[in-house]
Amino acid sequence: MTPRIPPFLRGIHNLLTRDLTWNDLNKSLNDDMRGMYEFYEGSMKSVEGERRGVKRSMKFVWHLFVAFLLKLTPPRRLMYAVAFVFIVVALSEGKAASAVYSFVIVTFLLAMELADKLITKDELSIARDIQLSLQPGSDVKVAGYDLLSQSEAAKQVGGDYYDVLQLPDGSTLVVIGDVSGKGISSALYVVKMQTALQLFATETNDLRELLIRLNSHVYGQLKRNYFLSLFLVKLLPDGSAEMCRAGHPPALLCRAKDHSTEWLKPNGIAVGMVSSTNGGGESEEKAKCFGPSLETQSLRMEKDDVLFLFTDGVIESVDNTGKEYGLDRVAELFKNCKSETLEQMRRCMIDDLIRHRSGADLRDDTTFLLLKKT
């Protein structure tokens, strides 16, 4: 006879397993373990150089434990130590009350940490709404072109950026960019870059000059290992286009007439890596390399031609084996959906990225723009 499960225990089981499958549990644990390690890694002492074995494993666990303790606030660190003493007493002397005290303290600590996390999550959600409000709306118009966009952040806020601006000569400037890294620090740099670029775009029509001014403005203000890649496209209603690139992935031009594709990749190094003028403590040769590195490229788009702009999160999107999406797959995709509408192309790109990831986490912010000559 199958033992009957008491309603109380059945209720506890349902509470703990609600909306949870084995695959969800396995994926969540893997994600949490990787996220925990990435969070504490920077605060841990390295065990590199130690021989593999029990001693190295014990050192790793100890360093991880110390990093965990140091992340707690001093009062919470003390509470955790008290809970640890209670559990030791319970185990050594068999005092059930000590075990209960330890459980209560640890539960209280978890509740406080969870509250902190939820407050931070709410604040990040507000930051995400603000960041989205700074992007062009879905009703943005580009004379002579249709425009569609797609943007997804690896975290709640990200370092990808795009904008549509009017230049003094009446042409339209389409911008897509990516601040290195992800998360709140990259998002704050994006706001700084966007504000500066919008200001400089009211003062010059020259794409190279625009990037040189931006680089002069931000160089030395970015933290180490931070930089900005940008792709600028200046459009006229008749299909004339000029582009300039600063360390950004190439753009893909899809011709409607013969269904050919062409990678557009004018030279240029990323913004913020070197100064635009000598005076930043660099050699004169290095200091002068930003401006000369920038090339412009002109072209003419005919009716129904499509220009695809994207950040590196698209081509560096990985599946569960670590294989990247890559430039070749982008070109192949657009060859196969050459007769689609712009919305169908956007949906096709999104679906293919999802298929490629096969459930793997989004490792980097992913943004792309589609421009079609009307």
Protein backbone atom coordinates (compact mmCIF):
# COMPACT_ATOMS: atom_id res chain seq x y z
CA MET A 1 0.00 0.00 0.00
CA THR A 2 1.34 3.39 -1.01
CA PRO A 3 1.81 5.55 2.10
CA ARG A 4 -0.55 8.49 2.23
CA ILE A 5 1.16 11.88 2.24
CA PRO A 6 -0.26 14.20 4.91
CA PRO A 7 -1.98 17.30 3.46
CA PHE A 8 0.46 19.53 5.36
CA LEU A 9 3.50 17.94 3.69
CA ARG A 10 1.75 17.99 0.33
CA GLY A 11 1.13 21.70 0.78
CA ILE A 12 4.81 22.32 1.61
CA HIS A 13 5.85 20.31 -1.48
CA ASN A 14 3.52 22.31 -3.72
CA LEU A 15 4.81 25.57 -2.25
CA LEU A 16 8.45 24.68 -2.90
CA THR A 17 7.98 23.19 -6.39
CA ARG A 18 5.39 25.60 -7.78
CA ASP A 19 6.23 26.62 -11.39
CA LEU A 20 9.44 24.56 -11.21
CA THR A 21 10.62 21.78 -13.54
CA TRP A 22 13.78 19.71 -13.33
CA ASN A 23 15.26 21.52 -16.34
CA ASP A 24 14.45 24.89 -14.76
CA LEU A 25 16.06 23.79 -11.50
CA ASN A 26 19.21 22.54 -13.23
CA LYS A 27 19.56 25.69 -15.37
CA SER A 28 18.87 27.98 -12.41
CA LEU A 29 21.48 26.27 -10.23
CA ASN A 30 24.10 26.43 -13.00
CA ASP A 31 23.34 30.10 -13.64
CA ASP A 32 23.44 30.92 -9.92
CA MET A 33 26.74 29.08 -9.41
CA ARG A 34 28.37 30.85 -12.35
CA GLY A 35 26.98 34.21 -11.25
CA MET A 36 28.16 33.65 -7.67
CA TYR A 37 31.67 32.75 -8.79
CA GLU A 38 31.89 35.77 -11.13
CA PHE A 39 30.71 38.01 -8.27
CA TYR A 40 33.25 36.78 -5.71
CA GLU A 41 36.11 36.06 -8.13
CA GLY A 42 37.52 39.58 -8.01
CA SER A 43 37.69 39.51 -4.20
CA MET A 44 39.27 36.06 -3.87
CA LYS A 45 42.90 35.16 -3.52
CA SER A 46 44.08 33.14 -6.50
CA VAL A 47 44.98 29.48 -6.14
CA GLU A 48 46.93 29.48 -9.40
CA GLY A 49 50.23 27.67 -9.04
CA GLU A 50 48.85 25.20 -6.51
CA ARG A 51 48.87 21.55 -7.46
CA ARG A 52 45.50 20.08 -8.21
CA GLY A 53 44.19 18.05 -5.31
CA VAL A 54 42.48 18.22 -1.95
CA LYS A 55 44.76 20.98 -0.63
CA ARG A 56 44.03 23.27 -3.59
CA SER A 57 40.28 22.58 -3.32
CA MET A 58 40.31 23.39 0.40
CA LYS A 59 42.19 26.64 -0.23
CA PHE A 60 39.71 27.60 -2.95
CA VAL A 61 36.74 26.96 -0.65
CA TRP A 62 38.41 28.93 2.16
CA HIS A 63 39.17 31.93 -0.09
CA LEU A 64 35.59 31.84 -1.40
CA PHE A 65 34.27 31.75 2.18
CA VAL A 66 36.45 34.72 3.19
CA ALA A 67 35.31 36.69 0.12
CA PHE A 68 31.71 35.94 1.07
CA LEU A 69 32.24 37.18 4.65
CA LEU A 70 33.89 40.40 3.48
CA LYS A 71 30.95 41.17 1.20
CA LEU A 72 28.61 41.19 4.22
CA THR A 73 28.16 44.41 6.19
CA PRO A 74 29.96 44.31 9.60
CA PRO A 75 26.71 43.80 11.61
CA ARG A 76 25.59 40.98 9.33
CA ARG A 77 29.06 39.45 9.45
CA LEU A 78 28.80 39.39 13.26
CA MET A 79 25.32 37.83 13.11
CA TYR A 80 26.62 35.13 10.80
CA ALA A 81 29.49 34.39 13.23
CA VAL A 82 26.99 34.06 16.11
CA ALA A 83 24.88 31.67 14.04
CA PHE A 84 28.01 29.65 13.27
CA VAL A 85 28.83 29.40 17.01
CA PHE A 86 25.28 28.23 17.76
CA ILE A 87 25.45 25.46 15.14
CA VAL A 88 28.84 24.30 16.46
CA VAL A 89 27.39 24.11 19.99
CA ALA A 90 24.36 22.22 18.68
CA LEU A 91 26.56 19.66 16.91
CA SER A 92 29.06 19.21 19.75
CA GLU A 93 26.70 19.20 22.71
CA GLY A 94 23.46 18.10 21.10
CA LYS A 95 21.53 21.21 22.14
CA ALA A 96 18.52 21.54 19.87
CA ALA A 97 17.87 25.11 21.02
CA SER A 98 21.23 26.23 19.63
CA ALA A 99 20.33 24.75 16.24
CA VAL A 100 17.02 26.64 16.31
CA TYR A 101 18.78 29.91 17.19
CA SER A 102 21.24 29.37 14.34
CA PHE A 103 18.40 28.68 11.88
CA VAL A 104 16.53 31.81 12.96
CA ILE A 105 19.61 34.03 12.61
CA VAL A 106 20.55 32.66 9.18
CA THR A 107 16.93 32.99 7.98
CA PHE A 108 16.90 36.60 9.20
CA LEU A 109 20.16 37.27 7.33
CA LEU A 110 18.74 35.74 4.14
CA ALA A 111 15.62 37.91 4.49
CA MET A 112 17.73 41.07 4.76
CA GLU A 113 19.94 40.10 1.79
CA LEU A 114 16.82 39.29 -0.26
CA ALA A 115 15.28 42.64 0.63
CA ASP A 116 18.48 44.41 -0.51
CA LYS A 117 18.41 42.47 -3.77
CA LEU A 118 14.75 43.27 -4.45
CA ILE A 119 15.28 46.97 -3.70
CA THR A 120 18.25 47.00 -6.10
CA LYS A 121 16.19 45.14 -8.69
CA ASP A 122 13.43 47.74 -8.46
CA GLU A 123 15.96 50.56 -8.84
CA LEU A 124 17.51 48.84 -11.86
CA SER A 125 14.05 48.43 -13.35
CA ILE A 126 13.54 52.19 -13.04
CA ALA A 127 16.99 52.76 -14.58
CA ARG A 128 16.02 50.45 -17.46
CA ASP A 129 12.83 52.46 -18.08
CA ILE A 130 14.86 55.68 -18.12
CA GLN A 131 17.42 54.16 -20.51
CA LEU A 132 14.66 53.00 -22.87
CA SER A 133 13.06 56.45 -22.76
CA LEU A 134 16.34 57.94 -24.05
CA GLN A 135 16.22 55.76 -27.17
CA PRO A 136 14.30 56.89 -30.27
CA GLY A 137 10.64 55.91 -30.15
CA SER A 138 9.04 53.43 -32.54
CA ASP A 139 7.51 56.38 -34.41
CA VAL A 140 10.88 57.90 -35.36
CA LYS A 141 10.99 58.87 -39.05
CA VAL A 142 13.94 58.98 -41.43
CA ALA A 143 13.09 60.77 -44.68
CA GLY A 144 13.35 58.30 -47.56
CA TYR A 145 13.85 55.23 -45.35
CA ASP A 146 12.04 52.79 -43.10
CA LEU A 147 13.75 52.03 -39.79
CA LEU A 148 13.28 49.16 -37.34
CA SER A 149 15.30 48.39 -34.24
CA GLN A 150 15.77 45.63 -31.68
CA SER A 151 17.65 45.86 -28.39
CA GLU A 152 18.07 43.39 -25.54
CA ALA A 153 20.30 43.88 -22.52
CA ALA A 154 22.22 41.00 -20.94
CA LYS A 155 21.40 42.62 -17.60
CA GLN A 156 18.55 44.98 -16.75
CA VAL A 157 20.55 47.91 -18.08
CA GLY A 158 23.27 47.74 -20.69
CA GLY A 159 25.95 49.45 -22.72
CA ASP A 160 24.37 49.31 -26.18
CA TYR A 161 23.11 52.52 -27.68
CA TYR A 162 21.48 53.84 -30.84
CA ASP A 163 20.06 57.19 -31.86
CA VAL A 164 18.66 59.14 -34.79
CA LEU A 165 19.77 62.79 -35.04
CA GLN A 166 19.32 65.69 -37.42
CA LEU A 167 22.53 67.35 -38.66
CA PRO A 168 22.80 71.08 -39.44
CA ASP A 169 22.74 70.46 -43.22
CA GLY A 170 19.35 68.69 -42.96
CA SER A 171 20.67 65.16 -43.34
CA THR A 172 19.82 62.39 -40.86
CA LEU A 173 22.48 60.76 -38.69
CA VAL A 174 21.86 57.18 -37.56
CA VAL A 175 24.15 56.06 -34.73
CA ILE A 176 24.74 52.67 -33.15
CA GLY A 177 27.31 52.16 -30.41
CA ASP A 178 28.51 49.87 -27.67
CA VAL A 179 30.33 50.74 -24.44
CA SER A 180 32.63 47.90 -23.40
CA GLY A 181 31.28 45.78 -20.57
CA LYS A 182 27.67 45.59 -19.44
CA GLY A 183 25.48 46.57 -16.53
CA ILE A 184 25.05 49.84 -14.69
CA SER A 185 28.56 51.25 -15.28
CA SER A 186 28.25 50.83 -19.05
CA ALA A 187 24.72 52.26 -18.97
CA LEU A 188 25.95 55.42 -17.21
CA TYR A 189 28.71 55.88 -19.79
CA VAL A 190 26.10 55.47 -22.54
CA VAL A 191 24.13 58.45 -21.19
CA LYS A 192 27.31 60.53 -21.13
CA MET A 193 28.20 59.56 -24.72
CA GLN A 194 24.68 60.13 -26.00
CA THR A 195 24.46 63.61 -24.48
CA ALA A 196 27.86 64.62 -25.88
CA LEU A 197 27.10 63.24 -29.35
CA GLN A 198 23.73 65.00 -29.51
CA LEU A 199 25.47 68.29 -28.67
CA PHE A 200 28.29 67.87 -31.19
CA ALA A 201 25.82 66.83 -33.90
CA THR A 202 24.33 70.34 -33.78
CA GLU A 203 27.74 71.85 -34.58
CA THR A 204 29.16 69.84 -37.49
CA ASN A 205 28.08 67.74 -40.47
CA ASP A 206 31.46 66.02 -40.77
CA LEU A 207 31.44 62.46 -39.38
CA ARG A 208 35.18 62.32 -38.74
CA GLU A 209 35.11 65.65 -36.96
CA LEU A 210 32.16 64.44 -34.88
CA LEU A 211 34.09 61.38 -33.68
CA ILE A 212 37.28 63.37 -33.04
CA ARG A 213 35.35 65.83 -30.88
CA LEU A 214 33.67 63.00 -28.98
CA ASN A 215 37.00 61.25 -28.40
CA SER A 216 38.59 64.49 -27.14
CA HIS A 217 35.66 64.95 -24.78
CA VAL A 218 35.69 61.49 -23.18
CA TYR A 219 39.36 60.48 -23.35
CA GLY A 220 40.79 60.34 -19.85
CA GLN A 221 37.31 60.31 -18.28
CA LEU A 222 36.64 56.63 -18.93
CA LYS A 223 37.85 54.07 -16.42
CA ARG A 224 40.58 51.68 -17.48
CA ASN A 225 39.44 49.01 -19.96
CA TYR A 226 36.37 51.04 -20.95
CA PHE A 227 35.91 52.35 -24.49
CA LEU A 228 33.14 53.05 -26.98
CA SER A 229 32.68 51.58 -30.44
CA LEU A 230 30.49 53.53 -32.87
CA PHE A 231 29.10 53.27 -36.38
CA LEU A 232 27.74 56.51 -37.87
CA VAL A 233 25.63 56.68 -41.05
CA LYS A 234 24.63 60.02 -42.59
CA LEU A 235 21.59 59.67 -44.86
CA LEU A 236 20.00 61.89 -47.49
CA PRO A 237 16.48 61.22 -48.83
CA ASP A 238 17.82 60.50 -52.34
CA GLY A 239 19.72 57.43 -51.08
CA SER A 240 23.14 59.05 -50.73
CA ALA A 241 24.89 57.78 -47.61
CA GLU A 242 28.19 58.40 -45.87
CA MET A 243 29.52 56.32 -43.01
CA CYS A 244 32.33 56.36 -40.49
CA ARG A 245 33.29 53.62 -38.01
CA ALA A 246 35.21 53.71 -34.73
CA GLY A 247 36.14 50.19 -33.65
CA HIS A 248 32.64 48.85 -34.34
CA PRO A 249 31.57 45.69 -36.20
CA PRO A 250 30.98 46.22 -39.94
CA ALA A 251 27.57 46.94 -41.45
CA LEU A 252 25.90 44.69 -44.02
CA LEU A 253 24.39 46.16 -47.19
CA CYS A 254 21.81 43.98 -48.95
CA ARG A 255 21.08 44.98 -52.54
CA ALA A 256 17.51 44.36 -53.71
CA LYS A 257 18.38 44.38 -57.43
CA ASP A 258 20.72 41.38 -57.53
CA HIS A 259 20.27 40.06 -53.93
CA SER A 260 23.98 40.58 -53.26
CA THR A 261 25.44 41.43 -49.86
CA GLU A 262 28.45 43.57 -49.03
CA TRP A 263 30.27 44.19 -45.76
CA LEU A 264 30.96 47.89 -45.16
CA LYS A 265 33.96 48.39 -42.91
CA PRO A 266 35.75 51.75 -43.09
CA ASN A 267 38.76 51.81 -40.78
CA GLY A 268 38.75 53.45 -37.37
CA ILE A 269 39.75 52.69 -33.78
CA ALA A 270 37.35 52.85 -30.82
CA VAL A 271 36.58 56.08 -28.96
CA GLY A 272 38.42 56.58 -25.67
CA MET A 273 41.40 54.32 -26.34
CA VAL A 274 43.87 57.07 -27.33
CA SER A 275 43.71 60.86 -27.21
CA SER A 276 42.88 62.95 -30.27
CA THR A 277 45.69 65.43 -29.61
CA ASN A 278 49.08 65.24 -27.98
CA GLY A 279 48.98 66.13 -24.31
CA GLY A 280 47.60 63.03 -22.64
CA GLY A 281 50.99 61.75 -21.50
CA GLU A 282 51.43 59.71 -24.67
CA SER A 283 54.02 59.84 -27.40
CA GLU A 284 53.19 62.24 -30.21
CA GLU A 285 52.94 59.34 -32.67
CA LYS A 286 50.37 57.49 -30.55
CA ALA A 287 48.43 60.61 -29.61
CA LYS A 288 47.82 61.52 -33.23
CA CYS A 289 46.63 58.12 -34.40
CA PHE A 290 42.89 58.49 -33.62
CA GLY A 291 41.95 61.08 -36.25
CA PRO A 292 44.05 59.61 -39.09
CA SER A 293 42.70 56.13 -38.32
CA LEU A 294 39.17 57.22 -39.24
CA GLU A 295 37.97 56.60 -42.78
CA THR A 296 34.69 57.60 -44.37
CA GLN A 297 32.91 55.55 -47.02
CA SER A 298 30.20 56.76 -49.38
CA LEU A 299 27.54 54.75 -51.20
CA ARG A 300 24.13 55.09 -52.76
CA MET A 301 21.17 53.01 -51.67
CA GLU A 302 18.54 52.17 -54.26
CA LYS A 303 14.89 51.35 -53.65
CA ASP A 304 14.39 48.37 -51.26
CA ASP A 305 18.10 48.11 -50.40
CA VAL A 306 18.59 47.24 -46.74
CA LEU A 307 21.38 48.30 -44.38
CA PHE A 308 21.92 46.16 -41.28
CA LEU A 309 23.76 47.73 -38.31
CA PHE A 310 24.47 45.77 -35.13
CA THR A 311 26.57 45.54 -31.98
CA ASP A 312 29.04 42.75 -31.27
CA GLY A 313 26.51 41.04 -29.00
CA VAL A 314 24.83 39.73 -32.17
CA ILE A 315 27.83 38.00 -33.73
CA GLU A 316 29.31 36.96 -30.36
CA SER A 317 26.10 35.34 -29.16
CA VAL A 318 27.04 31.79 -28.13
CA ASP A 319 25.21 28.47 -27.88
CA ASN A 320 25.62 25.89 -25.11
CA THR A 321 28.89 24.66 -26.62
CA GLY A 322 30.41 28.15 -26.78
CA LYS A 323 30.10 28.47 -30.58
CA GLU A 324 29.60 32.09 -31.71
CA TYR A 325 26.91 33.21 -34.14
CA GLY A 326 29.45 34.90 -36.42
CA LEU A 327 29.47 37.20 -39.44
CA ASP A 328 29.01 34.41 -41.96
CA ARG A 329 25.70 33.36 -40.44
CA VAL A 330 24.47 36.97 -40.53
CA ALA A 331 25.23 37.23 -44.27
CA GLU A 332 23.67 33.83 -44.96
CA LEU A 333 20.51 34.77 -43.08
CA PHE A 334 19.97 37.92 -45.13
CA LYS A 335 20.59 36.07 -48.39
CA ASN A 336 17.80 33.67 -47.44
CA CYS A 337 15.26 36.35 -46.45
CA LYS A 338 15.97 38.82 -49.23
CA SER A 339 12.31 39.13 -50.28
CA GLU A 340 10.95 39.68 -46.77
CA THR A 341 9.44 42.87 -45.41
CA LEU A 342 11.52 44.83 -42.91
CA GLU A 343 9.45 43.52 -39.99
CA GLN A 344 9.84 39.95 -41.28
CA MET A 345 13.61 40.47 -41.51
CA ARG A 346 13.69 41.72 -37.93
CA ARG A 347 11.66 38.73 -36.74
CA CYS A 348 13.84 36.38 -38.78
CA MET A 349 16.98 37.77 -37.10
CA ILE A 350 15.50 37.50 -33.61
CA ASP A 351 14.28 33.94 -34.15
CA ASP A 352 17.60 32.78 -35.58
CA LEU A 353 19.51 34.23 -32.62
CA ILE A 354 17.15 32.43 -30.23
CA ARG A 355 17.62 29.17 -32.14
CA HIS A 356 21.37 29.57 -32.03
CA ARG A 357 21.49 30.21 -28.29
CA SER A 358 19.33 27.11 -27.64
CA GLY A 359 18.47 28.30 -24.16
CA ALA A 360 21.96 29.59 -23.31
CA ASP A 361 22.13 32.84 -21.38
CA LEU A 362 22.59 36.16 -23.16
CA ARG A 363 26.24 36.95 -22.43
CA ASP A 364 26.30 40.47 -23.93
CA ASP A 365 23.88 43.24 -24.84
CA THR A 366 22.39 42.67 -28.30
CA THR A 367 21.19 45.51 -30.53
CA PHE A 368 20.57 45.86 -34.26
CA LEU A 369 19.01 48.32 -36.70
CA LEU A 370 17.44 47.72 -40.09
CA LEU A 371 17.27 50.58 -42.62
CA LYS A 372 15.37 50.13 -45.88
CA LYS A 373 15.36 52.63 -48.76
CA THR A 374 11.80 53.47 -49.77
